[in-house]
Amino acid sequence: MSASVIGCVGTLIVPTRGAEGAGEVLLTVRGSKETFLARSDEPLPKGTQVLVVQAHGPRTVVVEPWNDPTFP
């Protein structure tokens, strides 16, 4: 299941702290909302839209900030 979240866009509900620790991201997976531990290279604030770029185990993902290209 972890590979199925790569490429998903979600919203941080708990900020990430970069190397200092994980946050939490809310993703829609198979039609339902689920939370995952989220790690990032740099700290990201709560509410940031992020893209999942890697999965580490079943419940931990690596995210990067995401700007939706369809919105100006």
PDB file of N, CA and C in Angstrom:
ATOM      1  N   MET A   1       0.807  -1.196   0.000  1.00  0.00           N
ATOM      2  CA  MET A   1       0.000   0.000   0.000  1.00  0.00           C
ATOM      3  C   MET A   1       0.848   1.258   0.000  1.00  0.00           C
ATOM      4  N   SER A   2       2.016   1.251   0.616  1.00  0.00           N
ATOM      5  CA  SER A   2       2.803   2.469   0.732  1.00  0.00           C
ATOM      6  C   SER A   2       3.162   3.074  -0.621  1.00  0.00           C
ATOM      7  N   ALA A   3       3.456   2.240  -1.617  1.00  0.00           N
ATOM      8  CA  ALA A   3       3.812   2.766  -2.929  1.00  0.00           C
ATOM      9  C   ALA A   3       2.641   3.480  -3.587  1.00  0.00           C
ATOM     10  N   SER A   4       1.413   3.139  -3.209  1.00  0.00           N
ATOM     11  CA  SER A   4       0.244   3.754  -3.839  1.00  0.00           C
ATOM     12  C   SER A   4       0.075   5.221  -3.456  1.00  0.00           C
ATOM     13  N   VAL A   5       0.757   5.701  -2.422  1.00  0.00           N
ATOM     14  CA  VAL A   5       0.621   7.101  -2.015  1.00  0.00           C
ATOM     15  C   VAL A   5       1.624   8.018  -2.712  1.00  0.00           C
ATOM     16  N   ILE A   6       2.636   7.451  -3.371  1.00  0.00           N
ATOM     17  CA  ILE A   6       3.616   8.282  -4.080  1.00  0.00           C
ATOM     18  C   ILE A   6       2.894   9.025  -5.193  1.00  0.00           C
ATOM     19  N   GLY A   7       3.095  10.338  -5.233  1.00  0.00           N
ATOM     20  CA  GLY A   7       2.415  11.173  -6.219  1.00  0.00           C
ATOM     21  C   GLY A   7       1.140  11.806  -5.700  1.00  0.00           C
ATOM     22  N   CYS A   8       0.694  11.404  -4.515  1.00  0.00           N
ATOM     23  CA  CYS A   8      -0.506  12.001  -3.925  1.00  0.00           C
ATOM     24  C   CYS A   8      -0.182  13.386  -3.374  1.00  0.00           C
ATOM     25  N   VAL A   9      -1.167  14.268  -3.423  1.00  0.00           N
ATOM     26  CA  VAL A   9      -1.040  15.598  -2.840  1.00  0.00           C
ATOM     27  C   VAL A   9      -1.916  15.635  -1.599  1.00  0.00           C
ATOM     28  N   GLY A  10      -1.379  16.180  -0.524  1.00  0.00           N
ATOM     29  CA  GLY A  10      -2.125  16.275   0.732  1.00  0.00           C
ATOM     30  C   GLY A  10      -1.810  17.563   1.447  1.00  0.00           C
ATOM     31  N   THR A  11      -2.344  17.685   2.657  1.00  0.00           N
ATOM     32  CA  THR A  11      -2.160  18.880   3.479  1.00  0.00           C
ATOM     33  C   THR A  11      -1.573  18.481   4.823  1.00  0.00           C
ATOM     34  N   LEU A  12      -0.555  19.223   5.256  1.00  0.00           N
ATOM     35  CA  LEU A  12       0.032  18.953   6.571  1.00  0.00           C
ATOM     36  C   LEU A  12      -0.951  19.369   7.661  1.00  0.00           C
ATOM     37  N   ILE A  13      -1.214  18.446   8.580  1.00  0.00           N
ATOM     38  CA  ILE A  13      -2.059  18.777   9.729  1.00  0.00           C
ATOM     39  C   ILE A  13      -1.214  18.948  10.994  1.00  0.00           C
ATOM     40  N   VAL A  14       0.027  18.491  10.931  1.00  0.00           N
ATOM     41  CA  VAL A  14       1.032  18.735  11.971  1.00  0.00           C
ATOM     42  C   VAL A  14       2.294  19.147  11.229  1.00  0.00           C
ATOM     43  N   PRO A  15       2.917  20.271  11.584  1.00  0.00           N
ATOM     44  CA  PRO A  15       4.093  20.735  10.831  1.00  0.00           C
ATOM     45  C   PRO A  15       5.243  19.740  10.887  1.00  0.00           C
ATOM     46  N   THR A  16       6.038  19.686   9.804  1.00  0.00           N
ATOM     47  CA  THR A  16       7.258  18.889   9.825  1.00  0.00           C
ATOM     48  C   THR A  16       8.369  19.746  10.416  1.00  0.00           C
ATOM     49  N   ARG A  17       9.418  19.074  10.916  1.00  0.00           N
ATOM     50  CA  ARG A  17      10.519  19.809  11.545  1.00  0.00           C
ATOM     51  C   ARG A  17      11.851  19.525  10.877  1.00  0.00           C
ATOM     52  N   GLY A  18      11.803  19.145   9.590  1.00  0.00           N
ATOM     53  CA  GLY A  18      13.048  18.846   8.885  1.00  0.00           C
ATOM     54  C   GLY A  18      13.759  17.676   9.533  1.00  0.00           C
ATOM     55  N   ALA A  19      15.055  17.813   9.758  1.00  0.00           N
ATOM     56  CA  ALA A  19      15.845  16.741  10.371  1.00  0.00           C
ATOM     57  C   ALA A  19      15.460  16.484  11.821  1.00  0.00           C
ATOM     58  N   GLU A  20      14.750  17.419  12.431  1.00  0.00           N
ATOM     59  CA  GLU A  20      14.377  17.299  13.843  1.00  0.00           C
ATOM     60  C   GLU A  20      13.182  16.382  14.084  1.00  0.00           C
ATOM     61  N   GLY A  21      12.412  16.066  13.039  1.00  0.00           N
ATOM     62  CA  GLY A  21      11.304  15.144  13.264  1.00  0.00           C
ATOM     63  C   GLY A  21      10.185  15.257  12.256  1.00  0.00           C
ATOM     64  N   ALA A  22       9.310  14.277  12.348  1.00  0.00           N
ATOM     65  CA  ALA A  22       8.202  14.163  11.402  1.00  0.00           C
ATOM     66  C   ALA A  22       7.004  14.996  11.832  1.00  0.00           C
ATOM     67  N   GLY A  23       6.177  15.297  10.836  1.00  0.00           N
ATOM     68  CA  GLY A  23       4.875  15.890  11.067  1.00  0.00           C
ATOM     69  C   GLY A  23       3.824  14.878  10.662  1.00  0.00           C
ATOM     70  N   GLU A  24       2.655  15.370  10.267  1.00  0.00           N
ATOM     71  CA  GLU A  24       1.587  14.475   9.852  1.00  0.00           C
ATOM     72  C   GLU A  24       0.863  15.077   8.662  1.00  0.00           C
ATOM     73  N   VAL A  25       0.543  14.236   7.669  1.00  0.00           N
ATOM     74  CA  VAL A  25      -0.119  14.689   6.454  1.00  0.00           C
ATOM     75  C   VAL A  25      -1.431  13.929   6.283  1.00  0.00           C
ATOM     76  N   LEU A  26      -2.449  14.621   5.785  1.00  0.00           N
ATOM     77  CA  LEU A  26      -3.741  14.027   5.479  1.00  0.00           C
ATOM     78  C   LEU A  26      -3.814  13.800   3.971  1.00  0.00           C
ATOM     79  N   LEU A  27      -3.981  12.536   3.571  1.00  0.00           N
ATOM     80  CA  LEU A  27      -4.032  12.156   2.160  1.00  0.00           C
ATOM     81  C   LEU A  27      -5.341  11.434   1.866  1.00  0.00           C
ATOM     82  N   THR A  28      -5.809  11.541   0.638  1.00  0.00           N
ATOM     83  CA  THR A  28      -6.941  10.741   0.190  1.00  0.00           C
ATOM     84  C   THR A  28      -6.389   9.525  -0.536  1.00  0.00           C
ATOM     85  N   VAL A  29      -6.657   8.348   0.018  1.00  0.00           N
ATOM     86  CA  VAL A  29      -6.139   7.094  -0.516  1.00  0.00           C
ATOM     87  C   VAL A  29      -7.317   6.151  -0.736  1.00  0.00           C
ATOM     88  N   ARG A  30      -7.472   5.683  -1.954  1.00  0.00           N
ATOM     89  CA  ARG A  30      -8.563   4.772  -2.308  1.00  0.00           C
ATOM     90  C   ARG A  30      -9.920   5.316  -1.848  1.00  0.00           C
ATOM     91  N   GLY A  31     -10.110   6.620  -2.002  1.00  0.00           N
ATOM     92  CA  GLY A  31     -11.392   7.234  -1.708  1.00  0.00           C
ATOM     93  C   GLY A  31     -11.653   7.602  -0.263  1.00  0.00           C
ATOM     94  N   SER A  32     -10.716   7.350   0.635  1.00  0.00           N
ATOM     95  CA  SER A  32     -10.914   7.747   2.033  1.00  0.00           C
ATOM     96  C   SER A  32      -9.704   8.541   2.523  1.00  0.00           C
ATOM     97  N   LYS A  33      -9.939   9.388   3.509  1.00  0.00           N
ATOM     98  CA  LYS A  33      -8.857  10.211   4.056  1.00  0.00           C
ATOM     99  C   LYS A  33      -8.108   9.418   5.121  1.00  0.00           C
ATOM    100  N   GLU A  34      -6.780   9.471   5.016  1.00  0.00           N
ATOM    101  CA  GLU A  34      -5.914   8.777   5.968  1.00  0.00           C
ATOM    102  C   GLU A  34      -4.760   9.690   6.352  1.00  0.00           C
ATOM    103  N   THR A  35      -4.240   9.503   7.556  1.00  0.00           N
ATOM    104  CA  THR A  35      -3.081  10.273   8.002  1.00  0.00           C
ATOM    105  C   THR A  35      -1.831   9.410   7.950  1.00  0.00           C
ATOM    106  N   PHE A  36      -0.707  10.066   7.635  1.00  0.00           N
ATOM    107  CA  PHE A  36       0.596   9.414   7.562  1.00  0.00           C
ATOM    108  C   PHE A  36       1.619  10.297   8.255  1.00  0.00           C
ATOM    109  N   LEU A  37       2.654   9.698   8.833  1.00  0.00           N
ATOM    110  CA  LEU A  37       3.788  10.482   9.304  1.00  0.00           C
ATOM    111  C   LEU A  37       4.454  11.086   8.083  1.00  0.00           C
ATOM    112  N   ALA A  38       4.846  12.338   8.161  1.00  0.00           N
ATOM    113  CA  ALA A  38       5.432  13.044   7.023  1.00  0.00           C
ATOM    114  C   ALA A  38       6.802  13.591   7.393  1.00  0.00           C
ATOM    115  N   ARG A  39       7.767  13.270   6.588  1.00  0.00           N
ATOM    116  CA  ARG A  39       9.124  13.799   6.761  1.00  0.00           C
ATOM    117  C   ARG A  39       9.457  14.690   5.583  1.00  0.00           C
ATOM    118  N   SER A  40      10.282  15.707   5.843  1.00  0.00           N
ATOM    119  CA  SER A  40      10.714  16.623   4.778  1.00  0.00           C
ATOM    120  C   SER A  40      12.123  17.100   5.081  1.00  0.00           C
ATOM    121  N   ASP A  41      12.838  17.542   4.032  1.00  0.00           N
ATOM    122  CA  ASP A  41      14.200  18.033   4.222  1.00  0.00           C
ATOM    123  C   ASP A  41      14.219  19.308   5.059  1.00  0.00           C
ATOM    124  N   GLU A  42      13.275  20.196   4.800  1.00  0.00           N
ATOM    125  CA  GLU A  42      13.183  21.477   5.510  1.00  0.00           C
ATOM    126  C   GLU A  42      11.893  21.506   6.324  1.00  0.00           C
ATOM    127  N   PRO A  43      11.864  22.246   7.431  1.00  0.00           N
ATOM    128  CA  PRO A  43      10.614  22.370   8.183  1.00  0.00           C
ATOM    129  C   PRO A  43       9.511  22.989   7.317  1.00  0.00           C
ATOM    130  N   LEU A  44       8.306  22.451   7.425  1.00  0.00           N
ATOM    131  CA  LEU A  44       7.151  22.966   6.690  1.00  0.00           C
ATOM    132  C   LEU A  44       6.014  23.229   7.676  1.00  0.00           C
ATOM    133  N   PRO A  45       5.316  24.367   7.546  1.00  0.00           N
ATOM    134  CA  PRO A  45       4.261  24.702   8.502  1.00  0.00           C
ATOM    135  C   PRO A  45       2.968  23.923   8.261  1.00  0.00           C
ATOM    136  N   LYS A  46       2.172  23.849   9.297  1.00  0.00           N
ATOM    137  CA  LYS A  46       0.834  23.269   9.210  1.00  0.00           C
ATOM    138  C   LYS A  46       0.049  23.981   8.110  1.00  0.00           C
ATOM    139  N   GLY A  47      -0.732  23.223   7.342  1.00  0.00           N
ATOM    140  CA  GLY A  47      -1.533  23.800   6.272  1.00  0.00           C
ATOM    141  C   GLY A  47      -0.848  23.808   4.913  1.00  0.00           C
ATOM    142  N   THR A  48       0.448  23.465   4.867  1.00  0.00           N
ATOM    143  CA  THR A  48       1.178  23.440   3.598  1.00  0.00           C
ATOM    144  C   THR A  48       0.669  22.298   2.732  1.00  0.00           C
ATOM    145  N   GLN A  49       0.409  22.584   1.454  1.00  0.00           N
ATOM    146  CA  GLN A  49       0.094  21.513   0.504  1.00  0.00           C
ATOM    147  C   GLN A  49       1.402  20.854   0.116  1.00  0.00           C
ATOM    148  N   VAL A  50       1.420  19.515   0.145  1.00  0.00           N
ATOM    149  CA  VAL A  50       2.643  18.774  -0.129  1.00  0.00           C
ATOM    150  C   VAL A  50       2.392  17.639  -1.116  1.00  0.00           C
ATOM    151  N   LEU A  51       3.471  17.236  -1.790  1.00  0.00           N
ATOM    152  CA  LEU A  51       3.472  16.112  -2.715  1.00  0.00           C
ATOM    153  C   LEU A  51       4.278  14.984  -2.091  1.00  0.00           C
ATOM    154  N   VAL A  52       3.738  13.776  -2.088  1.00  0.00           N
ATOM    155  CA  VAL A  52       4.464  12.611  -1.570  1.00  0.00           C
ATOM    156  C   VAL A  52       5.455  12.147  -2.638  1.00  0.00           C
ATOM    157  N   VAL A  53       6.756  12.099  -2.283  1.00  0.00           N
ATOM    158  CA  VAL A  53       7.790  11.721  -3.239  1.00  0.00           C
ATOM    159  C   VAL A  53       8.425  10.368  -2.920  1.00  0.00           C
ATOM    160  N   GLN A  54       8.265   9.891  -1.683  1.00  0.00           N
ATOM    161  CA  GLN A  54       8.799   8.583  -1.292  1.00  0.00           C
ATOM    162  C   GLN A  54       7.918   8.015  -0.192  1.00  0.00           C
ATOM    163  N   ALA A  55       7.938   6.696  -0.072  1.00  0.00           N
ATOM    164  CA  ALA A  55       7.265   6.019   1.031  1.00  0.00           C
ATOM    165  C   ALA A  55       8.304   5.207   1.794  1.00  0.00           C
ATOM    166  N   HIS A  56       8.279   5.322   3.106  1.00  0.00           N
ATOM    167  CA  HIS A  56       9.187   4.555   3.977  1.00  0.00           C
ATOM    168  C   HIS A  56       8.321   3.708   4.891  1.00  0.00           C
ATOM    169  N   GLY A  57       8.068   2.504   4.492  1.00  0.00           N
ATOM    170  CA  GLY A  57       7.196   1.636   5.275  1.00  0.00           C
ATOM    171  C   GLY A  57       5.735   1.971   5.001  1.00  0.00           C
ATOM    172  N   PRO A  58       4.846   1.326   5.720  1.00  0.00           N
ATOM    173  CA  PRO A  58       3.424   1.469   5.416  1.00  0.00           C
ATOM    174  C   PRO A  58       2.792   2.790   5.843  1.00  0.00           C
ATOM    175  N   ARG A  59       3.375   3.533   6.797  1.00  0.00           N
ATOM    176  CA  ARG A  59       2.703   4.720   7.323  1.00  0.00           C
ATOM    177  C   ARG A  59       3.576   5.971   7.377  1.00  0.00           C
ATOM    178  N   THR A  60       4.756   5.950   6.744  1.00  0.00           N
ATOM    179  CA  THR A  60       5.644   7.114   6.750  1.00  0.00           C
ATOM    180  C   THR A  60       5.971   7.503   5.311  1.00  0.00           C
ATOM    181  N   VAL A  61       5.858   8.795   5.012  1.00  0.00           N
ATOM    182  CA  VAL A  61       6.127   9.299   3.666  1.00  0.00           C
ATOM    183  C   VAL A  61       7.097  10.474   3.725  1.00  0.00           C
ATOM    184  N   VAL A  62       7.757  10.726   2.600  1.00  0.00           N
ATOM    185  CA  VAL A  62       8.618  11.897   2.440  1.00  0.00           C
ATOM    186  C   VAL A  62       7.869  12.855   1.523  1.00  0.00           C
ATOM    187  N   VAL A  63       7.782  14.116   1.940  1.00  0.00           N
ATOM    188  CA  VAL A  63       6.997  15.100   1.193  1.00  0.00           C
ATOM    189  C   VAL A  63       7.833  16.305   0.801  1.00  0.00           C
ATOM    190  N   GLU A  64       7.359  16.999  -0.231  1.00  0.00           N
ATOM    191  CA  GLU A  64       7.939  18.278  -0.668  1.00  0.00           C
ATOM    192  C   GLU A  64       6.793  19.261  -0.823  1.00  0.00           C
ATOM    193  N   PRO A  65       7.052  20.559  -0.647  1.00  0.00           N
ATOM    194  CA  PRO A  65       5.992  21.549  -0.867  1.00  0.00           C
ATOM    195  C   PRO A  65       5.431  21.429  -2.276  1.00  0.00           C
ATOM    196  N   TRP A  66       4.140  21.649  -2.432  1.00  0.00           N
ATOM    197  CA  TRP A  66       3.468  21.515  -3.723  1.00  0.00           C
ATOM    198  C   TRP A  66       2.672  22.772  -4.013  1.00  0.00           C
ATOM    199  N   ASN A  67       2.881  23.337  -5.185  1.00  0.00           N
ATOM    200  CA  ASN A  67       2.073  24.448  -5.668  1.00  0.00           C
ATOM    201  C   ASN A  67       1.274  23.932  -6.850  1.00  0.00           C
ATOM    202  N   ASP A  68      -0.019  23.925  -6.743  1.00  0.00           N
ATOM    203  CA  ASP A  68      -0.885  23.405  -7.795  1.00  0.00           C
ATOM    204  C   ASP A  68      -0.743  24.245  -9.057  1.00  0.00           C
ATOM    205  N   PRO A  69      -0.249  23.656 -10.146  1.00  0.00           N
ATOM    206  CA  PRO A  69      -0.028  24.440 -11.369  1.00  0.00           C
ATOM    207  C   PRO A  69      -1.325  24.866 -12.062  1.00  0.00           C
ATOM    208  N   THR A  70      -2.456  24.308 -11.646  1.00  0.00           N
ATOM    209  CA  THR A  70      -3.737  24.693 -12.278  1.00  0.00           C
ATOM    210  C   THR A  70      -4.321  25.955 -11.663  1.00  0.00           C
ATOM    211  N   PHE A  71      -3.759  26.401 -10.527  1.00  0.00           N
ATOM    212  CA  PHE A  71      -4.230  27.622  -9.885  1.00  0.00           C
ATOM    213  C   PHE A  71      -3.172  28.712 -10.034  1.00  0.00           C
ATOM    214  N   PRO A  72      -3.586  29.941 -10.359  1.00  0.00           N
ATOM    215  CA  PRO A  72      -2.601  31.025 -10.516  1.00  0.00           C
ATOM    216  C   PRO A  72      -1.967  31.416  -9.212  1.00  0.00           C
TER     217      PRO A  72
END
